[in-house]
Amino acid sequence: MLYPVFLTVYGYFKLDIKNVEIKHEPESISQLLVVVPVLCLAYQCQEVVVPVYACMRNRSLGNFTKSCCLTMCFLFMIYSIIGCFGYLTFGAMVSPNVMKMYDAEDPVVMIGIGALILKMVVTYPVLALCGRGAVDGLYSEMFRLSAADFVKGERRRRIIIVTLWFSSSLLIALNTSSIGTVIHALGSISAANVFIYPGICLMQVTLQTDPGMKKRKSYFLIVAAVTLAALGAFFFGLIIVDSFLNGGTTKTIETLCS
């Protein structure tokens, strides 16, 4: 991800695009709220927590917390640089996929596209592993498979799930005109991952540890859990409605990548 950072900074100083419209504030509250799916999608990490923790040499809560904090700071720095320089270069007409705005005949841009492809190839198996495990576990729960049956059919299920996963990803990538549509769709799910599911888990853990609600702390935790779930439901509904109302509208964007 470091090379796209260099590319956006490089494009800001090299390209000379006239009449760039820079907006300093949103025109409405809805425009401010629709950035939530982008933030949720960019910073959600629940899917890779288990494999990352399993790969740690010294598995402890302290080391894992340090790893998460450093990763979040690094991501924030990368996203901020790319977003700021990309927006300052192209203004309000910037494409959701900023790489499309650069001239692909430029060797610097070609290297950047290659770096992104390499990054996708490296990170795709990790997400596919998490997705396969979730689908496999859901299948075993639905059909109440015994331990022997689960192990016996694991290879066949793994091949089927991975094949369907890869095929569906490829079809969506080929038939989706704008990555912004995908971000909105995944952002609504990310809102559930970031707010709703943690809220439900927090409520369940609180009720299990203090069934009689004898501690004052338990009431604060329940309120926090309900607040998280309510925020998630609000953002989820807002994103879905915005996708239906504005998802089909596209701006006229000058695509420099040829």
C-alpha atoms as a PDB file:
ATOM      1  CA  MET A   1       0.000   0.000   0.000  1.00  0.00           C
ATOM      2  CA  LEU A   2       2.981   2.347   0.251  1.00  0.00           C
ATOM      3  CA  TYR A   3       3.377   2.697  -3.500  1.00  0.00           C
ATOM      4  CA  PRO A   4      -0.156   4.125  -4.075  1.00  0.00           C
ATOM      5  CA  VAL A   5       0.733   6.695  -1.409  1.00  0.00           C
ATOM      6  CA  PHE A   6       3.776   7.686  -3.428  1.00  0.00           C
ATOM      7  CA  LEU A   7       1.689   7.683  -6.616  1.00  0.00           C
ATOM      8  CA  THR A   8      -0.936  10.106  -5.284  1.00  0.00           C
ATOM      9  CA  VAL A   9       1.751  12.481  -4.020  1.00  0.00           C
ATOM     10  CA  TYR A  10       3.609  12.127  -7.324  1.00  0.00           C
ATOM     11  CA  GLY A  11       0.418  12.833  -9.297  1.00  0.00           C
ATOM     12  CA  TYR A  12      -0.389  15.904  -7.202  1.00  0.00           C
ATOM     13  CA  PHE A  13       2.917  17.572  -8.071  1.00  0.00           C
ATOM     14  CA  LYS A  14       3.225  16.322 -11.674  1.00  0.00           C
ATOM     15  CA  LEU A  15      -0.308  16.631 -13.094  1.00  0.00           C
ATOM     16  CA  ASP A  16      -1.603  20.061 -14.008  1.00  0.00           C
ATOM     17  CA  ILE A  17      -5.392  19.695 -13.967  1.00  0.00           C
ATOM     18  CA  LYS A  18      -7.311  22.936 -14.432  1.00  0.00           C
ATOM     19  CA  ASN A  19     -10.543  24.059 -12.766  1.00  0.00           C
ATOM     20  CA  VAL A  20     -10.404  21.610  -9.879  1.00  0.00           C
ATOM     21  CA  GLU A  21     -13.465  21.976  -7.631  1.00  0.00           C
ATOM     22  CA  ILE A  22     -12.575  21.565  -3.967  1.00  0.00           C
ATOM     23  CA  LYS A  23     -15.435  21.225  -1.481  1.00  0.00           C
ATOM     24  CA  HIS A  24     -14.573  22.250   2.053  1.00  0.00           C
ATOM     25  CA  GLU A  25     -17.758  20.959   3.685  1.00  0.00           C
ATOM     26  CA  PRO A  26     -20.651  18.623   2.821  1.00  0.00           C
ATOM     27  CA  GLU A  27     -23.752  20.090   1.236  1.00  0.00           C
ATOM     28  CA  SER A  28     -26.080  18.098   3.494  1.00  0.00           C
ATOM     29  CA  ILE A  29     -26.071  15.818   6.514  1.00  0.00           C
ATOM     30  CA  SER A  30     -26.732  12.812   4.282  1.00  0.00           C
ATOM     31  CA  GLN A  31     -23.471  13.422   2.407  1.00  0.00           C
ATOM     32  CA  LEU A  32     -21.654  13.405   5.724  1.00  0.00           C
ATOM     33  CA  LEU A  33     -23.289  10.192   6.904  1.00  0.00           C
ATOM     34  CA  VAL A  34     -22.698   8.228   3.703  1.00  0.00           C
ATOM     35  CA  VAL A  35     -18.956   8.214   4.409  1.00  0.00           C
ATOM     36  CA  VAL A  36     -19.684   5.794   7.252  1.00  0.00           C
ATOM     37  CA  PRO A  37     -19.605   2.697   4.988  1.00  0.00           C
ATOM     38  CA  VAL A  38     -16.203   3.742   3.671  1.00  0.00           C
ATOM     39  CA  LEU A  39     -14.820   4.105   7.193  1.00  0.00           C
ATOM     40  CA  CYS A  40     -16.411   0.862   8.374  1.00  0.00           C
ATOM     41  CA  LEU A  41     -15.087  -1.048   5.383  1.00  0.00           C
ATOM     42  CA  ALA A  42     -11.617   0.487   5.661  1.00  0.00           C
ATOM     43  CA  TYR A  43     -11.042  -0.181   9.339  1.00  0.00           C
ATOM     44  CA  GLN A  44     -12.942  -3.396  10.028  1.00  0.00           C
ATOM     45  CA  CYS A  45     -10.544  -6.163  10.990  1.00  0.00           C
ATOM     46  CA  GLN A  46     -12.702  -8.761  12.740  1.00  0.00           C
ATOM     47  CA  GLU A  47     -12.373 -11.178   9.831  1.00  0.00           C
ATOM     48  CA  VAL A  48      -8.598 -11.514  10.144  1.00  0.00           C
ATOM     49  CA  VAL A  49      -8.221 -11.262  13.921  1.00  0.00           C
ATOM     50  CA  VAL A  50      -8.095 -15.027  14.494  1.00  0.00           C
ATOM     51  CA  PRO A  51      -5.471 -15.895  11.838  1.00  0.00           C
ATOM     52  CA  VAL A  52      -3.353 -12.877  12.813  1.00  0.00           C
ATOM     53  CA  TYR A  53      -3.472 -13.839  16.495  1.00  0.00           C
ATOM     54  CA  ALA A  54      -2.616 -17.445  15.598  1.00  0.00           C
ATOM     55  CA  CYS A  55       0.491 -16.265  13.712  1.00  0.00           C
ATOM     56  CA  MET A  56       1.847 -14.271  16.656  1.00  0.00           C
ATOM     57  CA  ARG A  57       4.947 -15.620  18.387  1.00  0.00           C
ATOM     58  CA  ASN A  58       3.963 -14.388  21.858  1.00  0.00           C
ATOM     59  CA  ARG A  59       0.180 -14.647  22.065  1.00  0.00           C
ATOM     60  CA  SER A  60      -1.074 -12.266  24.731  1.00  0.00           C
ATOM     61  CA  LEU A  61      -3.692  -9.553  25.009  1.00  0.00           C
ATOM     62  CA  GLY A  62      -1.043  -6.877  25.499  1.00  0.00           C
ATOM     63  CA  ASN A  63       0.948  -7.796  22.399  1.00  0.00           C
ATOM     64  CA  PHE A  64      -2.204  -8.144  20.348  1.00  0.00           C
ATOM     65  CA  THR A  65      -3.429  -4.713  21.513  1.00  0.00           C
ATOM     66  CA  LYS A  66      -0.107  -3.140  20.526  1.00  0.00           C
ATOM     67  CA  SER A  67      -0.303  -4.812  17.128  1.00  0.00           C
ATOM     68  CA  CYS A  68      -3.854  -3.549  16.546  1.00  0.00           C
ATOM     69  CA  CYS A  69      -3.030   0.017  17.610  1.00  0.00           C
ATOM     70  CA  LEU A  70       0.076   0.206  15.428  1.00  0.00           C
ATOM     71  CA  THR A  71      -1.839  -1.226  12.480  1.00  0.00           C
ATOM     72  CA  MET A  72      -4.700   1.245  12.893  1.00  0.00           C
ATOM     73  CA  CYS A  73      -2.283   4.187  13.085  1.00  0.00           C
ATOM     74  CA  PHE A  74      -0.465   2.972   9.987  1.00  0.00           C
ATOM     75  CA  LEU A  75      -3.742   2.555   8.075  1.00  0.00           C
ATOM     76  CA  PHE A  76      -4.943   5.991   9.181  1.00  0.00           C
ATOM     77  CA  MET A  77      -1.743   7.579   7.895  1.00  0.00           C
ATOM     78  CA  ILE A  78      -1.949   5.768   4.537  1.00  0.00           C
ATOM     79  CA  TYR A  79      -5.652   6.494   3.986  1.00  0.00           C
ATOM     80  CA  SER A  80      -5.236  10.145   4.961  1.00  0.00           C
ATOM     81  CA  ILE A  81      -2.336  10.772   2.571  1.00  0.00           C
ATOM     82  CA  ILE A  82      -4.015   9.014  -0.359  1.00  0.00           C
ATOM     83  CA  GLY A  83      -7.351  10.713   0.306  1.00  0.00           C
ATOM     84  CA  CYS A  84      -5.954  14.221   0.750  1.00  0.00           C
ATOM     85  CA  PHE A  85      -3.574  14.254  -2.202  1.00  0.00           C
ATOM     86  CA  GLY A  86      -6.006  12.381  -4.455  1.00  0.00           C
ATOM     87  CA  TYR A  87      -8.790  14.845  -3.676  1.00  0.00           C
ATOM     88  CA  LEU A  88      -6.541  17.882  -4.048  1.00  0.00           C
ATOM     89  CA  THR A  89      -5.420  16.577  -7.446  1.00  0.00           C
ATOM     90  CA  PHE A  90      -8.830  15.817  -8.984  1.00  0.00           C
ATOM     91  CA  GLY A  91     -11.272  17.642  -6.734  1.00  0.00           C
ATOM     92  CA  ALA A  92     -14.929  16.725  -6.385  1.00  0.00           C
ATOM     93  CA  MET A  93     -14.884  14.737  -9.644  1.00  0.00           C
ATOM     94  CA  VAL A  94     -12.434  12.152  -8.300  1.00  0.00           C
ATOM     95  CA  SER A  95     -13.403   8.555  -8.998  1.00  0.00           C
ATOM     96  CA  PRO A  96     -14.002   6.108  -6.118  1.00  0.00           C
ATOM     97  CA  ASN A  97     -11.141   4.151  -7.683  1.00  0.00           C
ATOM     98  CA  VAL A  98      -8.514   6.878  -7.791  1.00  0.00           C
ATOM     99  CA  MET A  99      -6.144   4.688  -9.814  1.00  0.00           C
ATOM    100  CA  LYS A 100      -8.461   5.098 -12.817  1.00  0.00           C
ATOM    101  CA  MET A 101      -7.737   8.807 -12.842  1.00  0.00           C
ATOM    102  CA  TYR A 102      -4.086   8.396 -13.797  1.00  0.00           C
ATOM    103  CA  ASP A 103      -2.590   7.726 -17.219  1.00  0.00           C
ATOM    104  CA  ALA A 104      -1.750   4.025 -17.432  1.00  0.00           C
ATOM    105  CA  GLU A 105       0.917   4.727 -20.063  1.00  0.00           C
ATOM    106  CA  ASP A 106       3.021   6.389 -17.376  1.00  0.00           C
ATOM    107  CA  PRO A 107       5.549   3.785 -16.101  1.00  0.00           C
ATOM    108  CA  VAL A 108       5.120   5.084 -12.556  1.00  0.00           C
ATOM    109  CA  VAL A 109       1.374   4.397 -12.750  1.00  0.00           C
ATOM    110  CA  MET A 110       1.942   0.954 -14.255  1.00  0.00           C
ATOM    111  CA  ILE A 111       4.167   0.017 -11.325  1.00  0.00           C
ATOM    112  CA  GLY A 112       1.480   1.278  -8.934  1.00  0.00           C
ATOM    113  CA  ILE A 113      -1.191  -0.863 -10.594  1.00  0.00           C
ATOM    114  CA  GLY A 114       1.138  -3.854 -10.375  1.00  0.00           C
ATOM    115  CA  ALA A 115       1.706  -3.158  -6.677  1.00  0.00           C
ATOM    116  CA  LEU A 116      -2.058  -3.081  -6.059  1.00  0.00           C
ATOM    117  CA  ILE A 117      -2.518  -6.362  -7.918  1.00  0.00           C
ATOM    118  CA  LEU A 118       0.239  -7.940  -5.822  1.00  0.00           C
ATOM    119  CA  LYS A 119      -1.408  -6.644  -2.650  1.00  0.00           C
ATOM    120  CA  MET A 120      -4.766  -8.136  -3.662  1.00  0.00           C
ATOM    121  CA  VAL A 121      -3.187 -11.487  -4.506  1.00  0.00           C
ATOM    122  CA  VAL A 122      -1.487 -11.607  -1.097  1.00  0.00           C
ATOM    123  CA  THR A 123      -4.498 -10.531   1.008  1.00  0.00           C
ATOM    124  CA  TYR A 124      -7.250 -12.399  -0.865  1.00  0.00           C
ATOM    125  CA  PRO A 125      -6.402 -15.874   0.559  1.00  0.00           C
ATOM    126  CA  VAL A 126      -6.618 -14.590   4.151  1.00  0.00           C
ATOM    127  CA  LEU A 127     -10.140 -13.211   3.649  1.00  0.00           C
ATOM    128  CA  ALA A 128     -11.155 -16.295   1.660  1.00  0.00           C
ATOM    129  CA  LEU A 129      -9.943 -18.498   4.523  1.00  0.00           C
ATOM    130  CA  CYS A 130     -12.086 -16.587   7.029  1.00  0.00           C
ATOM    131  CA  GLY A 131     -15.109 -16.672   4.720  1.00  0.00           C
ATOM    132  CA  ARG A 132     -14.696 -20.377   4.048  1.00  0.00           C
ATOM    133  CA  GLY A 133     -14.471 -21.128   7.755  1.00  0.00           C
ATOM    134  CA  ALA A 134     -17.625 -19.113   8.468  1.00  0.00           C
ATOM    135  CA  VAL A 135     -19.642 -20.802   5.707  1.00  0.00           C
ATOM    136  CA  ASP A 136     -18.319 -24.239   6.681  1.00  0.00           C
ATOM    137  CA  GLY A 137     -19.237 -23.704  10.312  1.00  0.00           C
ATOM    138  CA  LEU A 138     -22.696 -22.425   9.403  1.00  0.00           C
ATOM    139  CA  TYR A 139     -23.267 -25.463   7.172  1.00  0.00           C
ATOM    140  CA  SER A 140     -22.293 -27.874   9.944  1.00  0.00           C
ATOM    141  CA  GLU A 141     -24.608 -26.111  12.398  1.00  0.00           C
ATOM    142  CA  MET A 142     -27.563 -26.090  10.006  1.00  0.00           C
ATOM    143  CA  PHE A 143     -27.286 -29.803   9.191  1.00  0.00           C
ATOM    144  CA  ARG A 144     -26.092 -30.798  12.688  1.00  0.00           C
ATOM    145  CA  LEU A 145     -23.065 -32.720  11.449  1.00  0.00           C
ATOM    146  CA  SER A 146     -21.230 -34.946  13.882  1.00  0.00           C
ATOM    147  CA  ALA A 147     -17.490 -34.559  14.379  1.00  0.00           C
ATOM    148  CA  ALA A 148     -16.816 -37.602  12.192  1.00  0.00           C
ATOM    149  CA  ASP A 149     -19.086 -36.379   9.385  1.00  0.00           C
ATOM    150  CA  PHE A 150     -17.588 -32.896   9.601  1.00  0.00           C
ATOM    151  CA  VAL A 151     -14.041 -34.213   9.154  1.00  0.00           C
ATOM    152  CA  LYS A 152     -15.083 -36.712   6.483  1.00  0.00           C
ATOM    153  CA  GLY A 153     -16.640 -34.140   4.144  1.00  0.00           C
ATOM    154  CA  GLU A 154     -14.225 -31.283   4.890  1.00  0.00           C
ATOM    155  CA  ARG A 155     -12.190 -31.630   1.690  1.00  0.00           C
ATOM    156  CA  ARG A 156     -15.245 -31.687  -0.571  1.00  0.00           C
ATOM    157  CA  ARG A 157     -16.856 -28.719   1.196  1.00  0.00           C
ATOM    158  CA  ARG A 158     -13.597 -26.768   1.063  1.00  0.00           C
ATOM    159  CA  ILE A 159     -13.297 -27.219  -2.706  1.00  0.00           C
ATOM    160  CA  ILE A 160     -16.950 -26.276  -3.315  1.00  0.00           C
ATOM    161  CA  ILE A 161     -16.885 -23.207  -1.052  1.00  0.00           C
ATOM    162  CA  VAL A 162     -13.589 -21.877  -2.423  1.00  0.00           C
ATOM    163  CA  THR A 163     -14.734 -22.404  -6.018  1.00  0.00           C
ATOM    164  CA  LEU A 164     -18.025 -20.584  -5.428  1.00  0.00           C
ATOM    165  CA  TRP A 165     -16.244 -17.842  -3.467  1.00  0.00           C
ATOM    166  CA  PHE A 166     -13.698 -17.175  -6.202  1.00  0.00           C
ATOM    167  CA  SER A 167     -16.268 -17.411  -9.029  1.00  0.00           C
ATOM    168  CA  SER A 168     -18.678 -14.999  -7.351  1.00  0.00           C
ATOM    169  CA  SER A 169     -15.850 -12.535  -6.611  1.00  0.00           C
ATOM    170  CA  LEU A 170     -14.735 -12.665 -10.235  1.00  0.00           C
ATOM    171  CA  LEU A 171     -18.280 -12.181 -11.587  1.00  0.00           C
ATOM    172  CA  ILE A 172     -18.933  -9.223  -9.286  1.00  0.00           C
ATOM    173  CA  ALA A 173     -15.622  -7.611 -10.284  1.00  0.00           C
ATOM    174  CA  LEU A 174     -16.351  -8.054 -14.000  1.00  0.00           C
ATOM    175  CA  ASN A 175     -19.957  -6.829 -13.917  1.00  0.00           C
ATOM    176  CA  THR A 176     -19.763  -3.947 -11.439  1.00  0.00           C
ATOM    177  CA  SER A 177     -19.282  -0.621 -13.201  1.00  0.00           C
ATOM    178  CA  SER A 178     -18.048   1.294 -10.161  1.00  0.00           C
ATOM    179  CA  ILE A 179     -16.258   0.205  -7.034  1.00  0.00           C
ATOM    180  CA  GLY A 180     -18.335   2.792  -5.162  1.00  0.00           C
ATOM    181  CA  THR A 181     -21.373   0.516  -5.499  1.00  0.00           C
ATOM    182  CA  VAL A 182     -19.421  -2.353  -3.967  1.00  0.00           C
ATOM    183  CA  ILE A 183     -18.169  -0.138  -1.141  1.00  0.00           C
ATOM    184  CA  HIS A 184     -21.735   0.891  -0.307  1.00  0.00           C
ATOM    185  CA  ALA A 185     -22.936  -2.710  -0.303  1.00  0.00           C
ATOM    186  CA  LEU A 186     -20.024  -3.993   1.767  1.00  0.00           C
ATOM    187  CA  GLY A 187     -20.142  -0.905   3.947  1.00  0.00           C
ATOM    188  CA  SER A 188     -23.651  -1.758   5.107  1.00  0.00           C
ATOM    189  CA  ILE A 189     -22.427  -5.197   6.158  1.00  0.00           C
ATOM    190  CA  SER A 190     -19.373  -3.610   7.758  1.00  0.00           C
ATOM    191  CA  ALA A 191     -21.654  -1.365   9.814  1.00  0.00           C
ATOM    192  CA  ALA A 192     -23.238  -4.520  11.204  1.00  0.00           C
ATOM    193  CA  ASN A 193     -19.800  -6.003  11.907  1.00  0.00           C
ATOM    194  CA  VAL A 194     -18.501  -2.873  13.596  1.00  0.00           C
ATOM    195  CA  PHE A 195     -21.579  -1.888  15.637  1.00  0.00           C
ATOM    196  CA  ILE A 196     -24.417  -4.441  15.732  1.00  0.00           C
ATOM    197  CA  TYR A 197     -22.546  -7.696  16.357  1.00  0.00           C
ATOM    198  CA  PRO A 198     -20.173  -6.271  19.002  1.00  0.00           C
ATOM    199  CA  GLY A 199     -23.185  -4.722  20.737  1.00  0.00           C
ATOM    200  CA  ILE A 200     -25.005  -8.053  20.800  1.00  0.00           C
ATOM    201  CA  CYS A 201     -21.871  -9.849  22.034  1.00  0.00           C
ATOM    202  CA  LEU A 202     -21.317  -7.258  24.773  1.00  0.00           C
ATOM    203  CA  MET A 203     -24.911  -7.620  25.959  1.00  0.00           C
ATOM    204  CA  GLN A 204     -24.705 -11.424  25.974  1.00  0.00           C
ATOM    205  CA  VAL A 205     -21.402 -11.474  27.877  1.00  0.00           C
ATOM    206  CA  THR A 206     -22.756  -9.000  30.430  1.00  0.00           C
ATOM    207  CA  LEU A 207     -25.893 -11.079  31.014  1.00  0.00           C
ATOM    208  CA  GLN A 208     -23.831 -14.250  31.371  1.00  0.00           C
ATOM    209  CA  THR A 209     -21.358 -12.788  33.868  1.00  0.00           C
ATOM    210  CA  ASP A 210     -24.028 -10.957  35.893  1.00  0.00           C
ATOM    211  CA  PRO A 211     -27.430 -12.629  35.303  1.00  0.00           C
ATOM    212  CA  GLY A 212     -29.087 -10.820  38.196  1.00  0.00           C
ATOM    213  CA  MET A 213     -27.757  -7.396  37.137  1.00  0.00           C
ATOM    214  CA  LYS A 214     -26.442  -6.790  40.660  1.00  0.00           C
ATOM    215  CA  LYS A 215     -23.489  -4.655  39.616  1.00  0.00           C
ATOM    216  CA  ARG A 216     -23.881  -1.037  38.568  1.00  0.00           C
ATOM    217  CA  LYS A 217     -21.244  -1.617  35.889  1.00  0.00           C
ATOM    218  CA  SER A 218     -23.546  -4.116  34.189  1.00  0.00           C
ATOM    219  CA  TYR A 219     -26.178  -1.435  33.567  1.00  0.00           C
ATOM    220  CA  PHE A 220     -23.622   0.802  31.856  1.00  0.00           C
ATOM    221  CA  LEU A 221     -22.469  -2.120  29.720  1.00  0.00           C
ATOM    222  CA  ILE A 222     -26.040  -2.924  28.699  1.00  0.00           C
ATOM    223  CA  VAL A 223     -26.652   0.716  27.769  1.00  0.00           C
ATOM    224  CA  ALA A 224     -23.418   0.737  25.755  1.00  0.00           C
ATOM    225  CA  ALA A 225     -24.427  -2.493  24.008  1.00  0.00           C
ATOM    226  CA  VAL A 226     -27.867  -1.160  23.097  1.00  0.00           C
ATOM    227  CA  THR A 227     -26.318   2.101  21.876  1.00  0.00           C
ATOM    228  CA  LEU A 228     -23.849   0.242  19.659  1.00  0.00           C
ATOM    229  CA  ALA A 229     -26.549  -1.974  18.193  1.00  0.00           C
ATOM    230  CA  ALA A 230     -28.866   0.997  17.611  1.00  0.00           C
ATOM    231  CA  LEU A 231     -26.117   2.966  15.859  1.00  0.00           C
ATOM    232  CA  GLY A 232     -25.328  -0.035  13.692  1.00  0.00           C
ATOM    233  CA  ALA A 233     -28.972  -0.509  12.741  1.00  0.00           C
ATOM    234  CA  PHE A 234     -29.287   3.198  11.917  1.00  0.00           C
ATOM    235  CA  PHE A 235     -26.187   3.257   9.723  1.00  0.00           C
ATOM    236  CA  PHE A 236     -27.128  -0.041   8.098  1.00  0.00           C
ATOM    237  CA  GLY A 237     -30.554   1.271   7.121  1.00  0.00           C
ATOM    238  CA  LEU A 238     -29.159   4.636   6.030  1.00  0.00           C
ATOM    239  CA  ILE A 239     -26.561   3.024   3.776  1.00  0.00           C
ATOM    240  CA  ILE A 240     -29.071   0.641   2.209  1.00  0.00           C
ATOM    241  CA  VAL A 241     -31.554   3.457   1.494  1.00  0.00           C
ATOM    242  CA  ASP A 242     -28.802   5.671   0.070  1.00  0.00           C
ATOM    243  CA  SER A 243     -27.638   2.813  -2.170  1.00  0.00           C
ATOM    244  CA  PHE A 244     -31.130   2.434  -3.621  1.00  0.00           C
ATOM    245  CA  LEU A 245     -31.708   6.175  -4.037  1.00  0.00           C
ATOM    246  CA  ASN A 246     -28.290   7.295  -5.247  1.00  0.00           C
ATOM    247  CA  GLY A 247     -26.503   4.100  -6.198  1.00  0.00           C
ATOM    248  CA  GLY A 248     -27.516   4.305  -9.841  1.00  0.00           C
ATOM    249  CA  THR A 249     -26.473   7.917 -10.301  1.00  0.00           C
ATOM    250  CA  THR A 250     -22.994   8.380 -11.703  1.00  0.00           C
ATOM    251  CA  LYS A 251     -20.987  11.508 -12.269  1.00  0.00           C
ATOM    252  CA  THR A 252     -19.293  12.388 -15.493  1.00  0.00           C
ATOM    253  CA  ILE A 253     -15.685  11.589 -14.722  1.00  0.00           C
ATOM    254  CA  GLU A 254     -12.761  12.244 -17.004  1.00  0.00           C
ATOM    255  CA  THR A 255     -10.926   8.940 -16.947  1.00  0.00           C
ATOM    256  CA  LEU A 256      -7.248   9.486 -17.597  1.00  0.00           C
ATOM    257  CA  CYS A 257      -6.314   5.810 -17.377  1.00  0.00           C
ATOM    258  CA  SER A 258      -6.384   4.368 -20.890  1.00  0.00           C
END
